[in-house]
Amino acid sequence: MSPQSAAAATSSSPPIGPPPAPERFADASWEALGTRVVLRLTDSRALGPARAAVEHELDAIDRACSRFRSDSDIARVNASLGRAVRVSPLLADALALALRAAALTDGDVDPTVGSALVLAGYDRDWRLLEHSRPADCLFREPAPAMIAARPVCGWRSVMVDHATLTVRVPAGFMIDLGATAKAWAADRAAHVAALAGDCGALVGVGGDIAVSGPAPARGWAVHVTDDHRSPPNAPGQTVTIRSGGLATSSTAVRRWSHEGHAMHHIIDPTTGAPVRGTWRTVSVAAASCADANIATTAALVRAGAAPAWLAGQGVPARLVSRNRRVYTIGDWPADAPTTEVTQR
């Protein structure tokens, strides 16, 4: 999912009179958290302070939550399994969100999948893993019977004490915050960008989109597709949001090969292996990017049961099957390319 110029959205203006002038945004893009970050503002004069605020926020989250940094808070927790570890307030909040996600999804989004991801070969930063993958792993299904992993489902045993800022993870489990931290980072980054710039802000972190502050007159246009790095003409749909966030999770992009088997990063906690026979891509709009991403990840785990579950959650969603058939849920538009997400 990638932000597009608002002019890309279908206009609802009457056919009489001149078309509205294209809106002008300030843009910046760079690499952080192992992925591409996009910042877009409604005021070009605010780009300097807003980018500095976003960079500071993302760096703090990386130091707290990255499984691939030996000096991170989460690395210390994973190195001290079974013992209480003092952590930063930021990691305590990140873990609280991850445990909330597990509770909301009956364990489908489980932060204790770290060991399963390592066993599946996701043991280094994605930028290093991506360069070593063979091209054919993008098209093959994982073979879970041949993966040496066991069921995870350990989230109920993770203890977070906010009063003492201590965390205890039981032995045998490892924390990975990939299902929640990136979208949460987008929410926090959009908030600090809007405050620093005193304007409307959109932040995309690896395709997870969050907005804050006053929206442009025609809203923020976002192109929803498999890969956030795709060009604007890639297969997908352009939608418009005014607040909240949009998240897309996919089994078709972040893939690699391990011990001769295709792998991806969406783990089914009941098997400890990458999910099979599920959707190619799921996109959800919600009141926050974190909530949207919790829903998209759970939908991929729930596979065929996802449409009914998403409808029950009351969130607009777009699901793309492996043969690229598109299904929409709730208020997500089937044909018209605009939708609006409002804060609740």
Protein backbone atom coordinates (compact mmCIF):
# COMPACT_ATOMS: atom_id res chain seq x y z
CA MET A 1 0.00 0.00 0.00
CA SER A 2 1.52 3.32 -1.02
CA PRO A 3 0.37 6.93 -0.80
CA GLN A 4 -0.56 8.58 -4.07
CA SER A 5 -1.29 12.12 -5.12
CA ALA A 6 -4.81 13.03 -4.10
CA ALA A 7 -5.47 13.86 -7.73
CA ALA A 8 -5.46 10.09 -8.38
CA ALA A 9 -8.76 9.66 -6.57
CA THR A 10 -11.97 9.89 -8.52
CA SER A 11 -13.47 13.33 -8.03
CA SER A 12 -17.06 13.73 -6.88
CA SER A 13 -17.18 17.35 -8.15
CA PRO A 14 -20.13 18.34 -10.39
CA PRO A 15 -19.34 18.52 -14.11
CA ILE A 16 -19.92 22.30 -14.21
CA GLY A 17 -17.01 24.69 -13.76
CA PRO A 18 -13.25 24.19 -13.84
CA PRO A 19 -11.71 21.17 -12.09
CA PRO A 20 -10.12 21.80 -8.69
CA ALA A 21 -6.42 22.63 -8.67
CA PRO A 22 -4.17 19.69 -7.71
CA GLU A 23 -3.19 19.74 -4.08
CA ARG A 24 0.50 20.16 -3.35
CA PHE A 25 2.22 18.08 -0.68
CA ALA A 26 5.67 17.93 0.84
CA ASP A 27 7.18 14.45 0.55
CA ALA A 28 10.16 12.57 1.93
CA SER A 29 11.16 8.92 1.79
CA TRP A 30 13.96 6.94 3.46
CA GLU A 31 14.79 3.53 4.92
CA ALA A 32 14.09 2.67 8.58
CA LEU A 33 12.90 -0.37 10.56
CA GLY A 34 14.13 -2.55 7.72
CA THR A 35 11.66 -1.06 5.25
CA ARG A 36 10.69 2.06 3.31
CA VAL A 37 9.23 5.02 5.20
CA VAL A 38 7.13 7.67 3.44
CA LEU A 39 6.23 11.02 4.97
CA ARG A 40 3.70 13.34 3.32
CA LEU A 41 2.58 16.71 4.72
CA THR A 42 -0.01 19.30 3.79
CA ASP A 43 2.51 22.11 4.48
CA SER A 44 5.87 22.05 2.67
CA ARG A 45 7.39 24.41 5.23
CA ALA A 46 6.99 21.76 7.93
CA LEU A 47 9.05 19.04 6.26
CA GLY A 48 12.26 19.63 8.23
CA PRO A 49 10.87 19.48 11.78
CA ALA A 50 8.29 16.82 10.91
CA ARG A 51 10.88 14.48 9.37
CA ALA A 52 13.20 14.97 12.36
CA ALA A 53 10.35 14.06 14.73
CA VAL A 54 9.47 10.94 12.71
CA GLU A 55 13.11 9.81 12.50
CA HIS A 56 13.49 10.21 16.27
CA GLU A 57 10.29 8.25 16.95
CA LEU A 58 11.16 5.39 14.60
CA ASP A 59 14.69 5.15 16.00
CA ALA A 60 13.30 4.85 19.54
CA ILE A 61 10.87 2.11 18.44
CA ASP A 62 13.66 0.25 16.63
CA ARG A 63 15.82 0.33 19.76
CA ALA A 64 12.93 -1.02 21.81
CA CYS A 65 11.30 -3.55 19.49
CA SER A 66 13.74 -4.88 16.88
CA ARG A 67 14.41 -8.61 17.10
CA PHE A 68 17.47 -8.09 14.91
CA ARG A 69 19.36 -5.61 17.12
CA SER A 70 21.49 -7.10 19.87
CA ASP A 71 21.16 -3.88 21.87
CA SER A 72 17.35 -3.66 21.73
CA ASP A 73 15.03 -4.09 24.70
CA ILE A 74 13.30 -7.02 23.06
CA ALA A 75 16.65 -8.75 22.44
CA ARG A 76 17.38 -8.52 26.18
CA VAL A 77 13.97 -9.98 26.97
CA ASN A 78 14.49 -12.85 24.52
CA ALA A 79 17.93 -13.52 26.00
CA SER A 80 16.48 -13.75 29.54
CA LEU A 81 13.53 -16.10 29.07
CA GLY A 82 11.92 -17.21 32.29
CA ARG A 83 13.23 -14.20 34.23
CA ALA A 84 11.76 -10.74 34.83
CA VAL A 85 13.59 -8.10 32.79
CA ARG A 86 13.38 -4.34 33.28
CA VAL A 87 12.38 -2.61 30.04
CA SER A 88 11.69 0.85 28.70
CA PRO A 89 8.17 2.33 28.88
CA LEU A 90 8.10 2.16 25.07
CA LEU A 91 8.61 -1.61 24.98
CA ALA A 92 6.10 -2.09 27.80
CA ASP A 93 3.53 -0.24 25.68
CA ALA A 94 4.46 -2.20 22.56
CA LEU A 95 4.04 -5.50 24.40
CA ALA A 96 0.74 -4.36 25.88
CA LEU A 97 -0.51 -3.69 22.34
CA ALA A 98 0.73 -7.09 21.15
CA LEU A 99 -1.05 -8.87 24.01
CA ARG A 100 -4.21 -6.85 23.30
CA ALA A 101 -3.99 -8.03 19.68
CA ALA A 102 -3.74 -11.64 20.86
CA ALA A 103 -6.75 -11.23 23.12
CA LEU A 104 -8.85 -9.55 20.42
CA THR A 105 -8.06 -12.31 17.89
CA ASP A 106 -8.26 -15.31 20.24
CA GLY A 107 -4.53 -15.83 19.80
CA ASP A 108 -4.38 -15.64 16.00
CA VAL A 109 -2.00 -12.67 16.31
CA ASP A 110 0.46 -14.01 18.89
CA PRO A 111 3.69 -12.17 19.81
CA THR A 112 5.32 -15.43 20.94
CA VAL A 113 5.83 -16.62 17.34
CA GLY A 114 9.49 -15.54 17.38
CA SER A 115 10.85 -19.09 17.71
CA ALA A 116 8.65 -20.29 14.83
CA LEU A 117 9.93 -17.48 12.62
CA VAL A 118 13.54 -18.37 13.43
CA LEU A 119 12.86 -22.04 12.67
CA ALA A 120 11.33 -20.97 9.36
CA GLY A 121 14.54 -19.09 8.52
CA TYR A 122 13.52 -15.53 9.41
CA ASP A 123 16.56 -15.06 11.62
CA ARG A 124 17.98 -11.82 10.23
CA ASP A 125 16.87 -8.40 9.05
CA TRP A 126 14.54 -8.65 6.05
CA ARG A 127 16.89 -6.64 3.83
CA LEU A 128 19.52 -9.37 4.25
CA LEU A 129 17.05 -12.22 3.84
CA GLU A 130 15.42 -10.72 0.75
CA HIS A 131 18.67 -10.65 -1.22
CA SER A 132 19.22 -14.39 -0.71
CA ARG A 133 15.82 -15.66 -1.86
CA PRO A 134 15.36 -17.61 -5.13
CA ALA A 135 12.73 -16.18 -7.46
CA ASP A 136 10.57 -19.31 -7.49
CA CYS A 137 9.79 -19.08 -3.75
CA LEU A 138 7.38 -16.27 -4.59
CA PHE A 139 5.01 -18.75 -6.20
CA ARG A 140 5.21 -21.91 -4.05
CA GLU A 141 3.10 -22.77 -1.01
CA PRO A 142 4.93 -23.54 2.24
CA ALA A 143 4.98 -27.20 3.24
CA PRO A 144 4.24 -27.12 6.99
CA ALA A 145 4.64 -30.87 7.49
CA MET A 146 8.32 -30.46 6.63
CA ILE A 147 8.96 -27.50 8.95
CA ALA A 148 10.54 -28.30 12.33
CA ALA A 149 8.28 -25.98 14.31
CA ARG A 150 5.80 -26.53 17.11
CA PRO A 151 2.61 -24.70 18.06
CA VAL A 152 3.22 -21.33 19.71
CA CYS A 153 0.16 -20.03 21.62
CA GLY A 154 2.20 -18.68 24.52
CA TRP A 155 0.84 -15.16 24.76
CA ARG A 156 -1.21 -15.82 27.91
CA SER A 157 2.01 -16.58 29.80
CA VAL A 158 3.73 -13.28 28.97
CA MET A 159 3.69 -10.97 31.98
CA VAL A 160 4.04 -7.18 31.64
CA ASP A 161 4.17 -5.15 34.87
CA HIS A 162 3.72 -1.47 34.03
CA ALA A 163 4.26 -0.40 37.64
CA THR A 164 7.79 -1.87 37.78
CA LEU A 165 8.41 -1.80 34.00
CA THR A 166 9.34 -5.46 33.99
CA VAL A 167 8.54 -8.21 31.48
CA ARG A 168 8.74 -11.97 31.88
CA VAL A 169 8.47 -14.36 28.94
CA PRO A 170 8.35 -18.07 29.77
CA ALA A 171 11.23 -20.28 28.69
CA GLY A 172 10.72 -21.90 25.32
CA PHE A 173 9.14 -18.86 23.69
CA MET A 174 10.52 -15.85 21.86
CA ILE A 175 8.85 -12.50 21.28
CA ASP A 176 8.44 -11.06 17.80
CA LEU A 177 6.46 -7.82 17.42
CA GLY A 178 6.33 -7.80 13.64
CA ALA A 179 2.54 -8.17 13.55
CA THR A 180 1.91 -4.99 15.54
CA ALA A 181 4.99 -2.79 16.02
CA LYS A 182 5.35 -1.52 12.44
CA ALA A 183 1.76 -0.31 12.22
CA TRP A 184 1.98 1.09 15.76
CA ALA A 185 5.13 2.93 14.67
CA ALA A 186 3.20 4.45 11.76
CA ASP A 187 0.48 5.69 14.15
CA ARG A 188 3.00 7.24 16.53
CA ALA A 189 5.07 8.73 13.72
CA ALA A 190 2.05 10.35 12.06
CA HIS A 191 1.07 11.86 15.41
CA VAL A 192 4.50 13.39 16.10
CA ALA A 193 4.79 14.61 12.49
CA ALA A 194 1.46 16.43 12.70
CA LEU A 195 2.46 18.01 16.02
CA ALA A 196 5.94 19.04 14.85
CA GLY A 197 4.69 20.43 11.57
CA ASP A 198 1.38 21.84 12.83
CA CYS A 199 -0.29 20.41 9.74
CA GLY A 200 -1.81 17.26 8.30
CA ALA A 201 0.55 14.28 8.08
CA LEU A 202 0.60 10.85 6.47
CA VAL A 203 3.25 8.29 7.38
CA GLY A 204 3.72 4.97 5.63
CA VAL A 205 5.98 2.37 7.21
CA GLY A 206 6.43 -0.54 4.85
CA GLY A 207 3.00 0.10 3.37
CA ASP A 208 1.15 0.47 6.67
CA ILE A 209 -0.44 3.93 6.50
CA ALA A 210 -1.41 6.26 9.36
CA VAL A 211 -2.65 9.84 9.15
CA SER A 212 -2.96 12.59 11.74
CA GLY A 213 -3.94 16.23 11.85
CA PRO A 214 -6.18 18.02 9.36
CA ALA A 215 -6.65 16.04 6.16
CA PRO A 216 -6.31 17.54 2.69
CA ALA A 217 -9.54 18.81 1.13
CA ARG A 218 -9.95 15.61 -0.87
CA GLY A 219 -8.45 13.32 1.75
CA TRP A 220 -5.32 11.19 1.62
CA ALA A 221 -5.24 8.92 -1.42
CA VAL A 222 -3.61 5.51 -0.98
CA HIS A 223 -3.00 2.86 -3.63
CA VAL A 224 -3.80 -0.56 -2.19
CA THR A 225 -1.77 -3.35 -3.77
CA ASP A 226 0.35 -6.40 -2.85
CA ASP A 227 3.64 -4.56 -2.46
CA HIS A 228 4.01 -1.00 -1.17
CA ARG A 229 7.07 -0.59 -3.41
CA SER A 230 4.98 -1.13 -6.55
CA PRO A 231 4.45 1.72 -9.05
CA PRO A 232 1.12 3.61 -9.08
CA ASN A 233 -0.13 1.58 -12.05
CA ALA A 234 0.30 -1.77 -10.26
CA PRO A 235 -2.84 -3.92 -9.93
CA GLY A 236 -4.89 -2.68 -7.00
CA GLN A 237 -7.26 0.07 -6.00
CA THR A 238 -6.89 3.70 -4.95
CA VAL A 239 -8.90 4.64 -1.87
CA THR A 240 -9.05 7.81 0.20
CA ILE A 241 -8.97 8.20 3.97
CA ARG A 242 -9.33 11.27 6.17
CA SER A 243 -8.26 9.83 9.54
CA GLY A 244 -7.17 6.60 11.16
CA GLY A 245 -5.14 4.12 9.19
CA LEU A 246 -4.93 1.51 6.46
CA ALA A 247 -2.95 -1.71 6.64
CA THR A 248 -2.25 -4.43 4.11
CA SER A 249 -0.87 -7.87 4.95
CA SER A 250 0.22 -10.25 2.23
CA THR A 251 1.60 -13.76 1.84
CA ALA A 252 2.79 -12.92 -1.68
CA VAL A 253 5.61 -10.47 -1.04
CA ARG A 254 7.72 -11.09 2.08
CA ARG A 255 8.79 -14.61 1.10
CA TRP A 256 12.04 -16.55 1.21
CA SER A 257 13.35 -20.11 0.86
CA HIS A 258 14.56 -22.17 3.82
CA GLU A 259 15.89 -25.72 3.59
CA GLY A 260 14.35 -26.03 0.14
CA HIS A 261 10.88 -24.84 1.14
CA ALA A 262 9.06 -21.58 0.38
CA MET A 263 8.33 -19.50 3.47
CA HIS A 264 6.51 -16.31 4.41
CA HIS A 265 6.18 -14.31 7.61
CA ILE A 266 2.53 -14.94 8.58
CA ILE A 267 2.69 -17.69 11.19
CA ASP A 268 -0.28 -19.77 12.30
CA PRO A 269 0.21 -20.06 16.08
CA THR A 270 -1.67 -23.37 16.21
CA THR A 271 0.87 -25.06 13.90
CA GLY A 272 3.97 -22.90 14.34
CA ALA A 273 4.35 -22.77 10.55
CA PRO A 274 3.54 -20.22 7.81
CA VAL A 275 -0.16 -20.24 6.97
CA ARG A 276 -1.24 -22.10 3.84
CA GLY A 277 -4.27 -21.92 1.58
CA THR A 278 -5.10 -18.39 2.62
CA TRP A 279 -5.57 -15.04 0.94
CA ARG A 280 -2.95 -13.43 -1.24
CA THR A 281 -3.57 -10.00 0.32
CA VAL A 282 -5.89 -8.50 2.94
CA SER A 283 -6.38 -4.75 3.45
CA VAL A 284 -8.35 -3.15 6.28
CA ALA A 285 -9.22 0.43 7.21
CA ALA A 286 -9.67 1.22 10.89
CA ALA A 287 -9.47 3.96 13.50
CA SER A 288 -5.73 3.30 13.80
CA CYS A 289 -3.14 1.60 11.65
CA ALA A 290 -2.37 -0.79 14.52
CA ASP A 291 -5.98 -1.94 14.71
CA ALA A 292 -6.09 -2.31 10.93
CA ASN A 293 -2.95 -4.44 10.92
CA ILE A 294 -4.20 -6.65 13.75
CA ALA A 295 -7.27 -7.37 11.60
CA THR A 296 -5.32 -8.08 8.40
CA THR A 297 -2.93 -10.49 10.11
CA ALA A 298 -5.75 -12.35 11.85
CA ALA A 299 -7.63 -12.57 8.56
CA LEU A 300 -4.70 -14.29 6.87
CA VAL A 301 -4.49 -16.79 9.73
CA ARG A 302 -8.26 -17.42 9.65
CA ALA A 303 -8.19 -17.96 5.87
CA GLY A 304 -11.69 -19.01 4.71
CA ALA A 305 -13.29 -17.85 7.96
CA ALA A 306 -11.86 -14.34 7.54
CA PRO A 307 -14.73 -12.64 5.63
CA ALA A 308 -17.34 -13.47 8.24
CA TRP A 309 -14.98 -12.53 11.07
CA LEU A 310 -14.08 -9.17 9.47
CA ALA A 311 -17.75 -8.42 8.86
CA GLY A 312 -18.41 -9.12 12.52
CA GLN A 313 -15.69 -6.65 13.49
CA GLY A 314 -17.43 -3.91 11.49
CA VAL A 315 -14.31 -2.89 9.55
CA PRO A 316 -14.15 -2.19 5.80
CA ALA A 317 -11.85 -4.71 4.17
CA ARG A 318 -10.57 -5.90 0.80
CA LEU A 319 -9.43 -9.50 0.32
CA VAL A 320 -7.61 -10.83 -2.74
CA SER A 321 -7.59 -14.56 -3.34
CA ARG A 322 -4.64 -16.49 -4.73
CA ASN A 323 -6.20 -16.31 -8.20
CA ARG A 324 -6.57 -12.51 -7.71
CA ARG A 325 -10.32 -12.44 -7.26
CA VAL A 326 -11.28 -9.46 -5.10
CA TYR A 327 -13.81 -9.59 -2.25
CA THR A 328 -14.90 -6.54 -0.27
CA ILE A 329 -16.34 -6.37 3.24
CA GLY A 330 -18.52 -3.69 4.83
CA ASP A 331 -18.05 -0.16 3.55
CA TRP A 332 -15.00 -0.94 1.42
CA PRO A 333 -15.95 0.18 -2.12
CA ALA A 334 -16.30 -2.52 -4.74
CA ASP A 335 -16.09 -0.20 -7.76
CA ALA A 336 -15.78 3.45 -6.70
CA PRO A 337 -12.19 4.12 -5.65
CA THR A 338 -12.83 6.19 -2.54
CA THR A 339 -13.74 5.36 1.03
CA GLU A 340 -13.55 7.36 4.23
CA VAL A 341 -12.40 6.13 7.61
CA THR A 342 -13.53 8.17 10.60
CA GLN A 343 -12.16 8.07 14.12
CA ARG A 344 -14.46 6.41 16.62
